[in-house]
């Protein structure tokens, strides 16, 4: 029987390069955006709530409208806006060494968080009994710049109990140490409470990073200079 020859035609598969590159870039960007949010949920969400404020503390404001532009402080609690604070000093500075924030400007009675940090009117003044509440904007940690007021509080969740925060108000330096932090729904305004047994500051921003879903309230208590920090 004579041999039979079968011609084999090679089969080639062409993978479209452009769609593959586009999909890869898209997935990479998605991961880049989601990773900070997932890591925040897994590692930075405080376990439990610790607060030095008493049960009978006074709440000063009402819930915010979530659809508003939260780079404007006036939109955080629109139903009950910040009260006018009468003080000869309307500007002071805040320093957080761990976050490389140095002499950030805090203004009383202003509205634009892209220009400075904002002291919520009607809350206590630094160095005095009460609770000084300071708002700051945040974005994805990848964009963090301690000198940019739109990103300045992006790493606030990384602060730990005992970390130092410094305020210079009316020519006097005050030292605070972090004592607690908690996460609440946007309509929860209990962080504005005033307790007069000591001097506290509360730093407020949106979390997870780059979203407006929740609020982080970080509380620090005044501590004399010279005492060791854990």
Protein backbone atom coordinates (compact mmCIF):
# COMPACT_ATOMS: atom_id res chain seq x y z
CA UNK A 1 0.00 0.00 0.00
CA UNK A 2 1.58 3.26 -1.08
CA UNK A 3 2.32 5.87 1.56
CA UNK A 4 -0.09 8.77 1.86
CA UNK A 5 1.11 12.20 2.66
CA UNK A 6 -1.10 14.52 4.66
CA UNK A 7 -0.26 18.17 4.59
CA UNK A 8 -0.59 19.74 8.00
CA UNK A 9 -1.63 23.36 7.93
CA UNK A 10 -0.39 25.21 11.02
CA UNK A 11 -3.08 26.96 13.00
CA UNK A 12 -2.17 30.30 14.43
CA UNK A 13 -4.08 32.26 17.00
CA UNK A 14 -3.78 35.98 17.06
CA UNK A 15 -4.33 37.68 20.37
CA UNK A 16 -5.38 41.29 19.88
CA UNK A 17 -2.73 43.31 21.64
CA UNK A 18 -4.59 46.59 22.13
CA UNK A 19 -7.61 45.11 23.99
CA UNK A 20 -5.33 43.06 26.24
CA UNK A 21 -3.29 46.13 27.12
CA UNK A 22 -6.46 48.13 27.74
CA UNK A 23 -7.90 45.44 30.01
CA UNK A 24 -4.62 45.16 31.91
CA UNK A 25 -4.42 48.92 32.41
CA UNK A 26 -8.06 49.04 33.48
CA UNK A 27 -7.62 46.26 36.04
CA UNK A 28 -4.46 47.91 37.35
CA UNK A 29 -6.23 51.23 37.82
CA UNK A 30 -9.15 49.51 39.54
CA UNK A 31 -6.77 47.72 41.91
CA UNK A 32 -4.91 50.98 42.53
CA UNK A 33 -8.15 52.67 43.58
CA UNK A 34 -9.62 49.77 45.57
CA UNK A 35 -6.48 48.70 47.43
CA UNK A 36 -6.37 51.73 49.78
CA UNK A 37 -10.07 51.26 50.56
CA UNK A 38 -9.70 47.53 51.23
CA UNK A 39 -6.56 48.01 53.31
CA UNK A 40 -8.34 50.71 55.34
CA UNK A 41 -11.23 48.36 56.09
CA UNK A 42 -8.89 45.49 56.99
CA UNK A 43 -6.20 47.30 58.96
CA UNK A 44 -7.23 50.81 60.01
CA UNK A 45 -10.85 50.53 61.15
CA UNK A 46 -10.72 50.99 64.93
CA UNK A 47 -11.80 47.95 66.87
CA UNK A 48 -14.45 49.30 69.22
CA UNK A 49 -15.12 52.88 70.28
CA UNK A 50 -13.18 54.68 72.98
CA UNK A 51 -14.06 58.23 73.91
CA UNK A 52 -13.19 60.51 76.82
CA UNK A 53 -16.44 62.44 76.44
CA UNK A 54 -19.22 62.09 78.97
CA UNK A 55 -22.77 60.85 78.36
CA UNK A 56 -24.23 64.27 79.14
CA UNK A 57 -22.05 66.19 76.68
CA UNK A 58 -23.76 68.74 74.42
CA UNK A 59 -24.31 68.08 70.70
CA UNK A 60 -24.02 71.24 68.61
CA UNK A 61 -25.12 70.33 65.08
CA UNK A 62 -27.44 68.36 62.81
CA UNK A 63 -26.91 65.76 60.02
CA UNK A 64 -25.31 66.72 56.67
CA UNK A 65 -26.69 66.42 53.16
CA UNK A 66 -24.57 63.69 51.55
CA UNK A 67 -25.04 65.10 48.04
CA UNK A 68 -23.18 68.33 48.77
CA UNK A 69 -19.60 69.35 48.04
CA UNK A 70 -17.71 68.36 51.18
CA UNK A 71 -14.74 70.55 50.34
CA UNK A 72 -17.01 73.27 51.75
CA UNK A 73 -17.29 73.06 55.51
CA UNK A 74 -20.74 74.67 55.48
CA UNK A 75 -22.17 71.58 53.76
CA UNK A 76 -21.17 69.15 56.51
CA UNK A 77 -24.03 70.13 58.83
CA UNK A 78 -26.29 72.40 56.73
CA UNK A 79 -29.36 72.19 58.98
CA UNK A 80 -27.45 73.77 61.82
CA UNK A 81 -24.37 75.65 60.54
CA UNK A 82 -21.34 76.42 62.65
CA UNK A 83 -21.87 79.08 65.26
CA UNK A 84 -19.96 82.33 65.14
CA UNK A 85 -16.98 82.24 67.47
CA UNK A 86 -16.00 85.59 68.99
CA UNK A 87 -12.24 85.58 69.55
CA UNK A 88 -9.41 88.03 68.83
CA UNK A 89 -7.57 85.14 67.14
CA UNK A 90 -9.10 83.67 63.98
CA UNK A 91 -6.07 81.75 62.70
CA UNK A 92 -3.71 79.27 64.33
CA UNK A 93 -1.47 76.37 63.29
CA UNK A 94 -1.47 72.60 63.66
CA UNK A 95 1.52 70.23 63.45
CA UNK A 96 1.48 66.42 63.31
CA UNK A 97 5.08 65.13 63.13
CA UNK A 98 4.16 61.55 62.20
CA UNK A 99 2.25 62.76 59.12
CA UNK A 100 4.90 65.39 58.19
CA UNK A 101 2.29 68.12 58.68
CA UNK A 102 4.04 71.28 59.87
CA UNK A 103 2.30 74.52 60.81
CA UNK A 104 -0.84 73.84 58.79
CA UNK A 105 -3.18 76.83 58.88
CA UNK A 106 -6.43 76.45 60.81
CA UNK A 107 -9.02 79.18 60.34
CA UNK A 108 -12.10 79.91 62.41
CA UNK A 109 -15.26 80.87 60.56
CA UNK A 110 -14.15 80.10 56.98
CA UNK A 111 -15.60 77.57 54.54
CA UNK A 112 -13.11 76.39 51.90
CA UNK A 113 -11.22 73.24 52.91
CA UNK A 114 -9.02 73.52 49.82
CA UNK A 115 -7.32 76.58 51.34
CA UNK A 116 -6.87 75.62 54.99
CA UNK A 117 -8.09 73.45 57.83
CA UNK A 118 -11.29 74.71 59.43
CA UNK A 119 -12.16 75.14 63.09
CA UNK A 120 -15.86 74.37 63.50
CA UNK A 121 -17.42 77.49 64.97
CA UNK A 122 -18.97 77.10 68.40
CA UNK A 123 -16.55 74.42 69.59
CA UNK A 124 -13.85 75.00 72.18
CA UNK A 125 -10.63 76.94 71.65
CA UNK A 126 -7.19 75.29 71.94
CA UNK A 127 -5.71 75.26 75.41
CA UNK A 128 -9.08 75.87 77.08
CA UNK A 129 -11.49 73.35 78.61
CA UNK A 130 -13.68 71.92 75.88
CA UNK A 131 -13.38 70.21 72.52
CA UNK A 132 -11.76 71.97 69.54
CA UNK A 133 -13.15 70.39 66.35
CA UNK A 134 -11.06 70.74 63.19
CA UNK A 135 -12.15 69.63 59.71
CA UNK A 136 -9.72 68.55 57.00
CA UNK A 137 -10.13 67.12 53.50
CA UNK A 138 -8.79 63.75 52.35
CA UNK A 139 -8.30 61.80 49.12
CA UNK A 140 -6.65 58.52 48.10
CA UNK A 141 -3.40 58.11 50.10
CA UNK A 142 -1.47 57.82 46.82
CA UNK A 143 -2.01 61.56 46.34
CA UNK A 144 -1.05 62.53 49.88
CA UNK A 145 0.81 65.80 50.22
CA UNK A 146 1.08 67.29 53.73
CA UNK A 147 1.20 70.78 52.20
CA UNK A 148 -1.94 70.35 50.08
CA UNK A 149 -5.13 71.09 52.02
CA UNK A 150 -7.20 68.87 49.72
CA UNK A 151 -5.09 65.85 50.75
CA UNK A 152 -3.81 66.87 54.18
CA UNK A 153 -5.89 64.45 56.30
CA UNK A 154 -5.58 61.45 53.95
CA UNK A 155 -3.28 59.58 56.36
CA UNK A 156 -5.15 60.56 59.52
CA UNK A 157 -6.34 56.94 60.09
CA UNK A 158 -2.71 55.82 60.50
CA UNK A 159 -2.25 57.78 63.72
CA UNK A 160 -2.03 55.66 66.86
CA UNK A 161 -2.83 56.24 70.51
CA UNK A 162 -0.08 58.35 72.06
CA UNK A 163 1.01 60.11 68.86
CA UNK A 164 1.68 63.82 69.31
CA UNK A 165 -0.26 66.73 67.81
CA UNK A 166 0.86 70.32 68.38
CA UNK A 167 -1.12 73.53 68.16
CA UNK A 168 0.15 77.09 68.32
CA UNK A 169 -2.68 79.40 69.30
CA UNK A 170 -2.33 83.09 70.12
CA UNK A 171 1.44 82.72 70.49
CA UNK A 172 1.22 79.77 72.90
CA UNK A 173 2.20 76.18 72.06
CA UNK A 174 -0.01 73.29 73.18
CA UNK A 175 0.75 69.59 73.04
CA UNK A 176 -1.93 66.93 72.58
CA UNK A 177 -1.70 63.17 72.36
CA UNK A 178 -4.09 60.90 70.52
CA UNK A 179 -6.41 59.05 72.91
CA UNK A 180 -9.06 57.56 70.62
CA UNK A 181 -10.56 57.38 67.18
CA UNK A 182 -13.84 56.12 65.85
CA UNK A 183 -15.76 55.84 62.61
CA UNK A 184 -19.38 56.91 62.27
CA UNK A 185 -22.06 57.48 59.69
CA UNK A 186 -22.00 60.99 58.14
CA UNK A 187 -25.14 62.01 60.04
CA UNK A 188 -23.59 61.18 63.43
CA UNK A 189 -22.53 64.49 65.00
CA UNK A 190 -21.67 63.20 68.47
CA UNK A 191 -18.03 64.13 67.82
CA UNK A 192 -19.01 67.77 68.23
CA UNK A 193 -19.80 67.16 71.89
CA UNK A 194 -18.28 69.49 74.46
CA UNK A 195 -16.77 68.18 77.67
CA UNK A 196 -15.06 70.59 80.03
CA UNK A 197 -12.97 68.39 82.30
CA UNK A 198 -9.90 69.00 80.09
CA UNK A 199 -8.78 70.42 76.74
CA UNK A 200 -9.40 68.16 73.72
CA UNK A 201 -9.05 68.47 69.97
CA UNK A 202 -11.01 66.36 67.50
CA UNK A 203 -9.78 66.00 63.92
CA UNK A 204 -12.47 65.05 61.40
CA UNK A 205 -12.25 63.72 57.84
CA UNK A 206 -14.02 61.36 55.43
CA UNK A 207 -13.17 57.65 55.17
CA UNK A 208 -12.37 55.26 53.56
CA UNK A 209 -9.75 57.30 51.74
CA UNK A 210 -11.10 58.97 48.63
CA UNK A 211 -14.77 58.48 49.59
CA UNK A 212 -17.46 60.30 51.59
CA UNK A 213 -19.03 57.13 53.02
CA UNK A 214 -18.06 57.53 56.69
CA UNK A 215 -16.52 60.00 59.10
CA UNK A 216 -13.37 59.51 61.14
CA UNK A 217 -13.25 61.35 64.46
CA UNK A 218 -9.78 61.36 66.02
CA UNK A 219 -9.60 62.70 69.57
CA UNK A 220 -6.48 64.01 71.29
CA UNK A 221 -6.11 65.27 74.86
CA UNK A 222 -3.82 68.01 76.09
CA UNK A 223 -0.62 66.81 77.68
CA UNK A 224 2.10 68.90 79.37
CA UNK A 225 5.40 69.29 77.56
CA UNK A 226 8.15 67.05 78.92
CA UNK A 227 6.00 63.99 79.58
CA UNK A 228 7.04 60.91 77.63
CA UNK A 229 4.86 59.66 74.81
CA UNK A 230 4.32 55.87 74.59
